[in-house]
Amino acid sequence: MKSQKTNVSVLLVCLLALPAILAFSLHPSGKYNLDFFTTHNQFYLCDSAFTGTTGDTTFWNTDAQNARLGTTEDIIGIKIASYGHVRAELNVLNTADPEKDFSKYDHVVEGSVKLSSGIMEVLNFPDTKIILKAIVTPARYRIRIYSYAVKNVNPDEDEGTDHYKITLWPGEGRERKVLKAYRAD
């Protein structure tokens, strides 16, 4: 009898928690602070089961270098100003990023990534250590990277003043688009 009461209690708790779990799994959002080390002025955001490759000449071609964003179907490379220290804020949104005033940023670029598995990862370079693993709704996402405080950063030094704000939301479109270009003085 005690076992049946326990089972009923567990079932009741699960049923009460189900709406919250479903709401999260259907529309997960969140804010993540990133503070880690990478190398070669880059890190990656990708699907946990990515098949794209970052090693060919199309990933970090001249356009990608200038845009500060390398892309494939399911992995993107984010170019940073300092050689290795990444300080960023990552926001997973449910709707398109509404920010239109880019005056406080040095560079703003938008792209696309497909997160089919429902698990997004942030990886350092070159050893692809998982820095962040987060659940997202499987979909194609638009991603926008805001770069600021990149002026006077030595790209060969680990530390710099550079910071990044990254927003990600479900949305179509595959093209890379520079919304504000950084111009070194």
N, C-alpha and C. Protein backbone atom coordinates (compact mmCIF):
# COMPACT_ATOMS: atom_id res chain seq x y z
N MET A 1 0.82 -1.19 0.00
CA MET A 1 0.00 0.00 0.00
C MET A 1 0.86 1.26 0.00
N LYS A 2 1.95 1.25 0.82
CA LYS A 2 2.83 2.40 0.89
C LYS A 2 3.50 2.64 -0.46
N SER A 3 3.84 1.58 -1.17
CA SER A 3 4.46 1.68 -2.48
C SER A 3 3.51 2.34 -3.49
N GLN A 4 2.22 2.00 -3.42
CA GLN A 4 1.25 2.61 -4.32
C GLN A 4 1.12 4.10 -4.06
N LYS A 5 1.12 4.52 -2.78
CA LYS A 5 1.03 5.93 -2.43
C LYS A 5 2.25 6.68 -2.95
N THR A 6 3.41 6.06 -2.83
CA THR A 6 4.65 6.68 -3.32
C THR A 6 4.58 6.85 -4.83
N ASN A 7 4.13 5.80 -5.53
CA ASN A 7 4.02 5.88 -6.98
C ASN A 7 3.03 6.95 -7.41
N VAL A 8 1.91 7.06 -6.71
CA VAL A 8 0.91 8.08 -7.03
C VAL A 8 1.49 9.46 -6.78
N SER A 9 2.23 9.62 -5.69
CA SER A 9 2.85 10.91 -5.37
C SER A 9 3.86 11.31 -6.44
N VAL A 10 4.69 10.38 -6.86
CA VAL A 10 5.68 10.65 -7.91
C VAL A 10 4.98 11.02 -9.21
N LEU A 11 3.92 10.28 -9.56
CA LEU A 11 3.16 10.56 -10.76
C LEU A 11 2.53 11.95 -10.70
N LEU A 12 1.98 12.30 -9.57
CA LEU A 12 1.36 13.61 -9.40
C LEU A 12 2.38 14.73 -9.56
N VAL A 13 3.55 14.58 -8.96
CA VAL A 13 4.62 15.58 -9.10
C VAL A 13 5.03 15.71 -10.56
N CYS A 14 5.17 14.60 -11.26
CA CYS A 14 5.53 14.62 -12.68
C CYS A 14 4.47 15.32 -13.51
N LEU A 15 3.21 15.04 -13.24
CA LEU A 15 2.12 15.68 -13.99
C LEU A 15 2.07 17.18 -13.74
N LEU A 16 2.33 17.58 -12.51
CA LEU A 16 2.34 19.01 -12.20
C LEU A 16 3.52 19.73 -12.85
N ALA A 17 4.64 19.05 -12.98
CA ALA A 17 5.84 19.65 -13.58
C ALA A 17 5.82 19.60 -15.10
N LEU A 18 5.00 18.76 -15.69
CA LEU A 18 4.98 18.57 -17.13
C LEU A 18 4.75 19.86 -17.93
N PRO A 19 3.80 20.71 -17.57
CA PRO A 19 3.63 21.95 -18.35
C PRO A 19 4.90 22.82 -18.38
N ALA A 20 5.59 22.92 -17.27
CA ALA A 20 6.83 23.72 -17.24
C ALA A 20 7.91 23.08 -18.10
N ILE A 21 8.01 21.77 -18.04
CA ILE A 21 9.00 21.06 -18.86
C ILE A 21 8.68 21.22 -20.33
N LEU A 22 7.42 21.06 -20.71
CA LEU A 22 7.04 21.23 -22.11
C LEU A 22 7.24 22.65 -22.58
N ALA A 23 6.93 23.62 -21.77
CA ALA A 23 7.13 25.02 -22.15
C ALA A 23 8.60 25.28 -22.42
N PHE A 24 9.49 24.74 -21.58
CA PHE A 24 10.92 24.93 -21.80
C PHE A 24 11.38 24.22 -23.06
N SER A 25 10.92 23.00 -23.27
CA SER A 25 11.42 22.25 -24.42
C SER A 25 10.87 22.78 -25.73
N LEU A 26 9.71 23.40 -25.71
CA LEU A 26 9.16 23.95 -26.94
C LEU A 26 9.72 25.34 -27.24
N HIS A 27 10.02 26.10 -26.21
CA HIS A 27 10.52 27.46 -26.39
C HIS A 27 11.63 27.76 -25.38
N PRO A 28 12.75 27.04 -25.46
CA PRO A 28 13.80 27.32 -24.49
C PRO A 28 14.45 28.67 -24.78
N SER A 29 14.75 29.37 -23.76
CA SER A 29 15.50 30.60 -23.90
C SER A 29 16.40 30.70 -22.69
N GLY A 30 17.37 31.52 -22.78
CA GLY A 30 18.25 31.66 -21.64
C GLY A 30 19.37 32.63 -21.92
N LYS A 31 20.05 32.99 -20.87
CA LYS A 31 21.18 33.90 -20.95
C LYS A 31 22.37 33.18 -20.33
N TYR A 32 23.48 33.18 -21.04
CA TYR A 32 24.68 32.49 -20.58
C TYR A 32 25.86 33.46 -20.64
N ASN A 33 26.63 33.50 -19.58
CA ASN A 33 27.86 34.29 -19.56
C ASN A 33 29.01 33.37 -19.92
N LEU A 34 29.80 33.78 -20.88
CA LEU A 34 30.93 32.99 -21.33
C LEU A 34 32.22 33.70 -20.96
N ASP A 35 33.13 33.00 -20.36
CA ASP A 35 34.44 33.53 -19.98
C ASP A 35 35.40 32.35 -20.05
N PHE A 36 36.14 32.25 -21.16
CA PHE A 36 37.00 31.09 -21.36
C PHE A 36 38.16 31.47 -22.28
N PHE A 37 39.08 30.51 -22.43
CA PHE A 37 40.23 30.73 -23.30
C PHE A 37 40.14 29.84 -24.53
N THR A 38 40.55 30.41 -25.63
CA THR A 38 40.61 29.76 -26.91
C THR A 38 41.96 30.16 -27.52
N THR A 39 42.18 29.90 -28.78
CA THR A 39 43.39 30.40 -29.45
C THR A 39 43.05 30.83 -30.86
N HIS A 40 44.00 31.47 -31.51
CA HIS A 40 43.89 31.85 -32.91
C HIS A 40 42.69 32.75 -33.21
N ASN A 41 42.28 33.55 -32.22
CA ASN A 41 41.24 34.57 -32.41
C ASN A 41 39.91 34.01 -32.88
N GLN A 42 39.50 32.84 -32.37
CA GLN A 42 38.25 32.26 -32.83
C GLN A 42 37.68 31.25 -31.84
N PHE A 43 36.37 31.08 -31.91
CA PHE A 43 35.69 29.98 -31.23
C PHE A 43 34.46 29.62 -32.04
N TYR A 44 33.79 28.54 -31.66
CA TYR A 44 32.70 28.01 -32.46
C TYR A 44 31.39 27.88 -31.69
N LEU A 45 30.30 28.02 -32.40
CA LEU A 45 28.96 27.70 -31.90
C LEU A 45 28.39 26.71 -32.90
N CYS A 46 27.86 25.58 -32.41
CA CYS A 46 27.47 24.53 -33.34
C CYS A 46 26.39 23.62 -32.76
N ASP A 47 25.86 22.79 -33.65
CA ASP A 47 24.99 21.69 -33.25
C ASP A 47 25.88 20.61 -32.65
N SER A 48 25.40 19.91 -31.64
CA SER A 48 26.24 18.88 -31.00
C SER A 48 26.60 17.75 -31.95
N ALA A 49 25.82 17.56 -33.01
CA ALA A 49 26.10 16.51 -33.99
C ALA A 49 26.53 17.13 -35.32
N PHE A 50 27.32 18.21 -35.26
CA PHE A 50 27.69 18.91 -36.50
C PHE A 50 28.49 18.02 -37.43
N THR A 51 28.28 18.24 -38.72
CA THR A 51 29.00 17.51 -39.76
C THR A 51 29.84 18.44 -40.61
N GLY A 52 29.64 19.74 -40.46
CA GLY A 52 30.40 20.72 -41.24
C GLY A 52 31.86 20.71 -40.85
N THR A 53 32.69 21.27 -41.73
CA THR A 53 34.12 21.33 -41.47
C THR A 53 34.59 22.78 -41.49
N THR A 54 35.48 23.09 -40.59
CA THR A 54 36.02 24.45 -40.49
C THR A 54 37.40 24.56 -41.13
N GLY A 55 37.91 23.46 -41.62
CA GLY A 55 39.28 23.44 -42.13
C GLY A 55 39.44 23.76 -43.59
N ASP A 56 38.35 23.86 -44.34
CA ASP A 56 38.54 24.15 -45.77
C ASP A 56 38.58 25.66 -46.02
N THR A 57 38.97 26.02 -47.20
CA THR A 57 39.18 27.43 -47.53
C THR A 57 37.89 28.24 -47.62
N THR A 58 36.75 27.59 -47.71
CA THR A 58 35.50 28.34 -47.79
C THR A 58 35.01 28.80 -46.43
N PHE A 59 35.45 28.16 -45.35
CA PHE A 59 34.96 28.52 -44.02
C PHE A 59 35.53 29.87 -43.59
N TRP A 60 36.85 30.01 -43.58
CA TRP A 60 37.48 31.27 -43.19
C TRP A 60 38.07 31.97 -44.41
N ASN A 61 37.26 32.13 -45.45
CA ASN A 61 37.73 32.86 -46.64
C ASN A 61 37.80 34.35 -46.32
N THR A 62 38.19 35.17 -47.30
CA THR A 62 38.35 36.61 -47.09
C THR A 62 37.05 37.26 -46.63
N ASP A 63 35.93 36.90 -47.23
CA ASP A 63 34.64 37.46 -46.82
C ASP A 63 34.33 37.12 -45.36
N ALA A 64 34.59 35.89 -44.97
CA ALA A 64 34.34 35.46 -43.59
C ALA A 64 35.25 36.20 -42.62
N GLN A 65 36.52 36.35 -42.99
CA GLN A 65 37.46 37.08 -42.14
C GLN A 65 37.00 38.52 -41.94
N ASN A 66 36.61 39.18 -43.03
CA ASN A 66 36.14 40.57 -42.94
C ASN A 66 34.84 40.68 -42.16
N ALA A 67 33.97 39.70 -42.31
CA ALA A 67 32.69 39.69 -41.59
C ALA A 67 32.86 39.27 -40.14
N ARG A 68 33.99 38.63 -39.83
CA ARG A 68 34.28 38.10 -38.50
C ARG A 68 33.35 36.94 -38.15
N LEU A 69 32.92 36.20 -39.21
CA LEU A 69 31.99 35.08 -39.01
C LEU A 69 32.19 34.04 -40.12
N GLY A 70 32.68 32.86 -39.74
CA GLY A 70 32.78 31.73 -40.67
C GLY A 70 31.53 30.88 -40.53
N THR A 71 31.06 30.33 -41.64
CA THR A 71 29.80 29.58 -41.58
C THR A 71 29.82 28.30 -42.40
N THR A 72 29.11 27.31 -41.88
CA THR A 72 28.69 26.12 -42.61
C THR A 72 27.24 25.89 -42.19
N GLU A 73 26.68 24.80 -42.59
CA GLU A 73 25.28 24.50 -42.26
C GLU A 73 25.03 24.43 -40.75
N ASP A 74 25.94 23.77 -40.03
CA ASP A 74 25.65 23.48 -38.61
C ASP A 74 26.77 23.86 -37.64
N ILE A 75 27.70 24.68 -38.11
CA ILE A 75 28.75 25.20 -37.22
C ILE A 75 29.16 26.58 -37.74
N ILE A 76 29.33 27.51 -36.80
CA ILE A 76 29.83 28.83 -37.18
C ILE A 76 31.08 29.14 -36.37
N GLY A 77 31.96 29.91 -36.95
CA GLY A 77 33.15 30.38 -36.28
C GLY A 77 33.01 31.86 -36.00
N ILE A 78 33.30 32.26 -34.79
CA ILE A 78 33.23 33.66 -34.39
C ILE A 78 34.65 34.16 -34.20
N LYS A 79 35.00 35.18 -34.97
CA LYS A 79 36.34 35.77 -34.90
C LYS A 79 36.35 36.82 -33.80
N ILE A 80 37.36 36.72 -32.92
CA ILE A 80 37.49 37.68 -31.83
C ILE A 80 38.76 38.51 -32.05
N ALA A 81 38.84 39.64 -31.38
CA ALA A 81 39.98 40.54 -31.56
C ALA A 81 41.22 40.04 -30.83
N SER A 82 41.09 39.64 -29.56
CA SER A 82 42.25 39.14 -28.82
C SER A 82 42.52 37.69 -29.21
N TYR A 83 43.74 37.27 -28.97
CA TYR A 83 44.15 35.94 -29.39
C TYR A 83 43.39 34.82 -28.69
N GLY A 84 43.10 35.00 -27.39
CA GLY A 84 42.57 33.85 -26.69
C GLY A 84 41.50 34.02 -25.65
N HIS A 85 41.38 35.16 -25.01
CA HIS A 85 40.40 35.28 -23.93
C HIS A 85 39.06 35.75 -24.49
N VAL A 86 38.03 34.95 -24.26
CA VAL A 86 36.68 35.27 -24.73
C VAL A 86 35.83 35.69 -23.53
N ARG A 87 35.23 36.86 -23.65
CA ARG A 87 34.24 37.34 -22.68
C ARG A 87 33.01 37.69 -23.49
N ALA A 88 31.94 36.95 -23.25
CA ALA A 88 30.74 37.14 -24.06
C ALA A 88 29.49 36.83 -23.27
N GLU A 89 28.40 37.37 -23.76
CA GLU A 89 27.06 37.09 -23.24
C GLU A 89 26.29 36.45 -24.39
N LEU A 90 25.72 35.29 -24.15
CA LEU A 90 24.94 34.57 -25.16
C LEU A 90 23.49 34.54 -24.73
N ASN A 91 22.62 35.05 -25.58
CA ASN A 91 21.19 35.09 -25.29
C ASN A 91 20.43 34.28 -26.32
N VAL A 92 19.73 33.24 -25.88
CA VAL A 92 18.86 32.46 -26.75
C VAL A 92 17.46 33.07 -26.61
N LEU A 93 16.96 33.60 -27.70
CA LEU A 93 15.68 34.30 -27.71
C LEU A 93 14.61 33.45 -28.37
N ASN A 94 13.36 33.76 -28.08
CA ASN A 94 12.24 33.06 -28.73
C ASN A 94 11.80 33.75 -30.01
N THR A 95 12.14 35.03 -30.14
CA THR A 95 11.77 35.80 -31.34
C THR A 95 12.99 36.59 -31.80
N ALA A 96 12.88 37.20 -32.95
CA ALA A 96 13.99 37.93 -33.55
C ALA A 96 14.52 39.02 -32.62
N ASP A 97 15.81 39.19 -32.65
CA ASP A 97 16.47 40.22 -31.86
C ASP A 97 15.96 41.59 -32.32
N PRO A 98 15.35 42.36 -31.42
CA PRO A 98 14.76 43.64 -31.82
C PRO A 98 15.75 44.80 -31.88
N GLU A 99 16.99 44.61 -31.42
CA GLU A 99 17.93 45.72 -31.34
C GLU A 99 18.26 46.26 -32.73
N LYS A 100 18.12 47.57 -32.89
CA LYS A 100 18.38 48.23 -34.18
C LYS A 100 19.45 49.30 -34.09
N ASP A 101 19.74 49.78 -32.88
CA ASP A 101 20.74 50.82 -32.68
C ASP A 101 22.08 50.16 -32.42
N PHE A 102 22.98 50.24 -33.38
CA PHE A 102 24.28 49.59 -33.28
C PHE A 102 25.39 50.58 -32.92
N SER A 103 25.04 51.78 -32.52
CA SER A 103 26.03 52.84 -32.30
C SER A 103 27.05 52.49 -31.20
N LYS A 104 26.68 51.72 -30.22
CA LYS A 104 27.62 51.40 -29.13
C LYS A 104 28.52 50.20 -29.44
N TYR A 105 28.36 49.60 -30.59
CA TYR A 105 29.15 48.44 -30.97
C TYR A 105 30.14 48.80 -32.08
N ASP A 106 31.25 48.07 -32.12
CA ASP A 106 32.24 48.29 -33.17
C ASP A 106 31.90 47.52 -34.44
N HIS A 107 31.32 46.35 -34.27
CA HIS A 107 31.04 45.49 -35.42
C HIS A 107 29.80 44.64 -35.09
N VAL A 108 28.91 44.48 -36.05
CA VAL A 108 27.72 43.65 -35.86
C VAL A 108 27.55 42.81 -37.12
N VAL A 109 27.45 41.51 -36.94
CA VAL A 109 27.27 40.59 -38.08
C VAL A 109 26.19 39.58 -37.73
N GLU A 110 25.47 39.16 -38.74
CA GLU A 110 24.40 38.19 -38.57
C GLU A 110 24.64 37.02 -39.52
N GLY A 111 24.27 35.82 -39.08
CA GLY A 111 24.41 34.63 -39.89
C GLY A 111 23.35 33.61 -39.52
N SER A 112 23.63 32.36 -39.82
CA SER A 112 22.66 31.30 -39.63
C SER A 112 23.36 30.02 -39.24
N VAL A 113 22.68 29.23 -38.42
CA VAL A 113 23.20 27.91 -38.05
C VAL A 113 22.00 26.99 -37.82
N LYS A 114 22.13 25.75 -38.25
CA LYS A 114 21.07 24.76 -38.06
C LYS A 114 21.44 23.89 -36.85
N LEU A 115 20.52 23.88 -35.88
CA LEU A 115 20.73 23.09 -34.65
C LEU A 115 19.71 21.96 -34.63
N SER A 116 19.96 20.93 -35.44
CA SER A 116 19.03 19.83 -35.64
C SER A 116 18.87 18.92 -34.44
N SER A 117 19.93 18.73 -33.67
CA SER A 117 19.88 17.78 -32.56
C SER A 117 19.14 18.33 -31.35
N GLY A 118 18.98 19.66 -31.30
CA GLY A 118 18.38 20.28 -30.13
C GLY A 118 19.38 20.55 -29.02
N ILE A 119 20.66 20.33 -29.32
CA ILE A 119 21.71 20.63 -28.35
C ILE A 119 22.73 21.55 -29.02
N MET A 120 22.83 22.76 -28.49
CA MET A 120 23.78 23.74 -28.97
C MET A 120 25.04 23.65 -28.11
N GLU A 121 26.19 23.79 -28.77
CA GLU A 121 27.45 23.79 -28.05
C GLU A 121 28.28 25.00 -28.43
N VAL A 122 29.05 25.48 -27.47
CA VAL A 122 30.08 26.47 -27.72
C VAL A 122 31.40 25.76 -27.48
N LEU A 123 32.31 25.85 -28.46
CA LEU A 123 33.58 25.13 -28.41
C LEU A 123 34.75 26.10 -28.53
N ASN A 124 35.85 25.80 -27.83
CA ASN A 124 37.04 26.60 -28.04
C ASN A 124 37.82 26.05 -29.23
N PHE A 125 38.96 26.67 -29.54
CA PHE A 125 39.78 26.24 -30.66
C PHE A 125 41.22 26.11 -30.18
N PRO A 126 41.99 25.16 -30.60
CA PRO A 126 41.74 24.16 -31.62
C PRO A 126 41.27 22.82 -31.08
N ASP A 127 41.24 22.66 -29.75
CA ASP A 127 40.91 21.34 -29.20
C ASP A 127 39.42 21.08 -29.06
N THR A 128 38.57 21.99 -29.48
CA THR A 128 37.11 21.87 -29.46
C THR A 128 36.56 21.38 -28.11
N LYS A 129 37.12 21.93 -27.05
CA LYS A 129 36.61 21.65 -25.71
C LYS A 129 35.22 22.28 -25.59
N ILE A 130 34.27 21.54 -25.03
CA ILE A 130 32.90 22.05 -24.87
C ILE A 130 32.89 23.05 -23.71
N ILE A 131 32.58 24.29 -24.03
CA ILE A 131 32.51 25.36 -23.05
C ILE A 131 31.09 25.48 -22.51
N LEU A 132 30.12 25.29 -23.38
CA LEU A 132 28.71 25.38 -23.01
C LEU A 132 27.93 24.36 -23.82
N LYS A 133 27.00 23.70 -23.16
CA LYS A 133 26.06 22.79 -23.83
C LYS A 133 24.68 23.20 -23.33
N ALA A 134 23.78 23.51 -24.27
CA ALA A 134 22.45 23.98 -23.88
C ALA A 134 21.39 23.36 -24.78
N ILE A 135 20.24 23.11 -24.22
CA ILE A 135 19.11 22.56 -24.96
C ILE A 135 18.40 23.69 -25.70
N VAL A 136 18.13 23.46 -26.97
CA VAL A 136 17.36 24.40 -27.79
C VAL A 136 16.34 23.60 -28.60
N THR A 137 15.33 24.28 -29.09
CA THR A 137 14.38 23.63 -29.98
C THR A 137 15.08 23.34 -31.30
N PRO A 138 15.02 22.11 -31.82
CA PRO A 138 15.66 21.83 -33.10
C PRO A 138 15.08 22.72 -34.20
N ALA A 139 15.95 23.49 -34.86
CA ALA A 139 15.50 24.44 -35.89
C ALA A 139 16.71 25.11 -36.51
N ARG A 140 16.45 25.90 -37.54
CA ARG A 140 17.45 26.81 -38.08
C ARG A 140 17.35 28.09 -37.25
N TYR A 141 18.51 28.65 -36.91
CA TYR A 141 18.57 29.85 -36.09
C TYR A 141 19.32 30.95 -36.81
N ARG A 142 18.88 32.17 -36.59
CA ARG A 142 19.65 33.35 -36.95
C ARG A 142 20.52 33.66 -35.74
N ILE A 143 21.71 34.13 -36.00
CA ILE A 143 22.63 34.48 -34.93
C ILE A 143 23.20 35.86 -35.24
N ARG A 144 23.30 36.68 -34.21
CA ARG A 144 23.87 38.01 -34.37
C ARG A 144 24.98 38.17 -33.34
N ILE A 145 26.12 38.64 -33.81
CA ILE A 145 27.26 38.85 -32.93
C ILE A 145 27.59 40.34 -32.91
N TYR A 146 27.53 40.91 -31.70
CA TYR A 146 27.87 42.30 -31.48
C TYR A 146 29.27 42.32 -30.86
N SER A 147 30.22 42.99 -31.51
CA SER A 147 31.58 43.10 -30.99
C SER A 147 31.79 44.52 -30.48
N TYR A 148 32.38 44.64 -29.30
CA TYR A 148 32.69 45.98 -28.81
C TYR A 148 33.99 45.99 -28.05
N ALA A 149 34.57 47.18 -27.96
CA ALA A 149 35.88 47.40 -27.32
C ALA A 149 36.99 46.62 -28.03
N VAL A 150 36.93 46.57 -29.36
CA VAL A 150 37.96 45.85 -30.12
C VAL A 150 39.10 46.77 -30.58
N LYS A 151 38.89 48.08 -30.48
CA LYS A 151 39.90 49.03 -30.90
C LYS A 151 41.14 48.88 -30.02
N ASN A 152 42.30 48.94 -30.64
CA ASN A 152 43.60 48.87 -29.95
C ASN A 152 43.87 47.53 -29.29
N VAL A 153 43.17 46.48 -29.67
CA VAL A 153 43.46 45.14 -29.16
C VAL A 153 44.55 44.53 -30.03
N ASN A 154 45.58 44.01 -29.40
CA ASN A 154 46.65 43.34 -30.13
C ASN A 154 46.18 41.91 -30.40
N PRO A 155 46.00 41.53 -31.67
CA PRO A 155 45.47 40.19 -31.99
C PRO A 155 46.42 39.04 -31.63
N ASP A 156 47.65 39.37 -31.24
CA ASP A 156 48.60 38.34 -30.85
C ASP A 156 48.68 38.14 -29.35
N GLU A 157 47.95 38.95 -28.60
CA GLU A 157 47.97 38.83 -27.14
C GLU A 157 46.70 38.15 -26.65
N ASP A 158 46.85 37.32 -25.60
CA ASP A 158 45.69 36.60 -25.05
C ASP A 158 44.63 37.53 -24.51
N GLU A 159 45.04 38.57 -23.81
CA GLU A 159 44.09 39.47 -23.17
C GLU A 159 43.85 40.70 -24.03
N GLY A 160 42.61 41.14 -24.03
CA GLY A 160 42.24 42.36 -24.71
C GLY A 160 41.02 42.95 -24.04
N THR A 161 40.59 44.07 -24.53
CA THR A 161 39.42 44.74 -23.97
C THR A 161 38.13 44.27 -24.64
N ASP A 162 38.25 43.44 -25.66
CA ASP A 162 37.10 43.04 -26.47
C ASP A 162 36.09 42.20 -25.69
N HIS A 163 34.82 42.47 -25.99
CA HIS A 163 33.67 41.75 -25.43
C HIS A 163 32.68 41.49 -26.56
N TYR A 164 31.81 40.52 -26.33
CA TYR A 164 30.85 40.12 -27.36
C TYR A 164 29.48 39.86 -26.76
N LYS A 165 28.48 40.25 -27.50
CA LYS A 165 27.10 39.89 -27.16
C LYS A 165 26.59 39.08 -28.35
N ILE A 166 26.08 37.91 -28.06
CA ILE A 166 25.60 37.00 -29.11
C ILE A 166 24.13 36.72 -28.85
N THR A 167 23.31 36.91 -29.89
CA THR A 167 21.90 36.56 -29.77
C THR A 167 21.56 35.52 -30.82
N LEU A 168 20.67 34.63 -30.46
CA LEU A 168 20.29 33.49 -31.29
C LEU A 168 18.79 33.33 -31.18
N TRP A 169 18.10 33.18 -32.33
CA TRP A 169 16.65 33.00 -32.31
C TRP A 169 16.24 32.15 -33.50
N PRO A 170 15.12 31.41 -33.38
CA PRO A 170 14.65 30.61 -34.51
C PRO A 170 14.32 31.52 -35.69
N GLY A 171 14.86 31.19 -36.86
CA GLY A 171 14.58 32.01 -38.03
C GLY A 171 15.25 31.48 -39.27
N GLU A 172 14.62 31.75 -40.37
CA GLU A 172 15.14 31.31 -41.67
C GLU A 172 16.14 32.32 -42.21
N GLY A 173 16.73 31.97 -43.31
CA GLY A 173 17.73 32.81 -43.95
C GLY A 173 19.10 32.21 -43.69
N ARG A 174 19.89 32.14 -44.72
CA ARG A 174 21.20 31.51 -44.57
C ARG A 174 22.35 32.47 -44.80
N GLU A 175 22.07 33.62 -45.37
CA GLU A 175 23.15 34.51 -45.74
C GLU A 175 23.82 35.17 -44.54
N ARG A 176 25.11 35.40 -44.70
CA ARG A 176 25.87 36.17 -43.72
C ARG A 176 25.70 37.64 -44.11
N LYS A 177 25.46 38.48 -43.11
CA LYS A 177 25.19 39.88 -43.40
C LYS A 177 25.86 40.75 -42.34
N VAL A 178 26.75 41.63 -42.79
CA VAL A 178 27.39 42.57 -41.88
C VAL A 178 26.45 43.76 -41.72
N LEU A 179 26.01 44.01 -40.49
CA LEU A 179 25.09 45.10 -40.20
C LEU A 179 25.83 46.38 -39.82
N LYS A 180 27.04 46.23 -39.29
CA LYS A 180 27.93 47.35 -39.02
C LYS A 180 29.35 46.82 -39.10
N ALA A 181 30.16 47.41 -39.95
CA ALA A 181 31.52 46.92 -40.17
C ALA A 181 32.52 47.68 -39.30
N TYR A 182 33.43 46.94 -38.68
CA TYR A 182 34.51 47.55 -37.91
C TYR A 182 35.58 48.04 -38.86
N ARG A 183 35.97 49.26 -38.65
CA ARG A 183 37.05 49.84 -39.44
C ARG A 183 38.15 50.28 -38.49
N ALA A 184 39.32 49.68 -38.61
CA ALA A 184 40.45 50.09 -37.77
C ALA A 184 40.92 51.45 -38.24
N ASP A 185 41.12 52.35 -37.31
CA ASP A 185 41.57 53.73 -37.66
C ASP A 185 43.02 53.77 -38.03
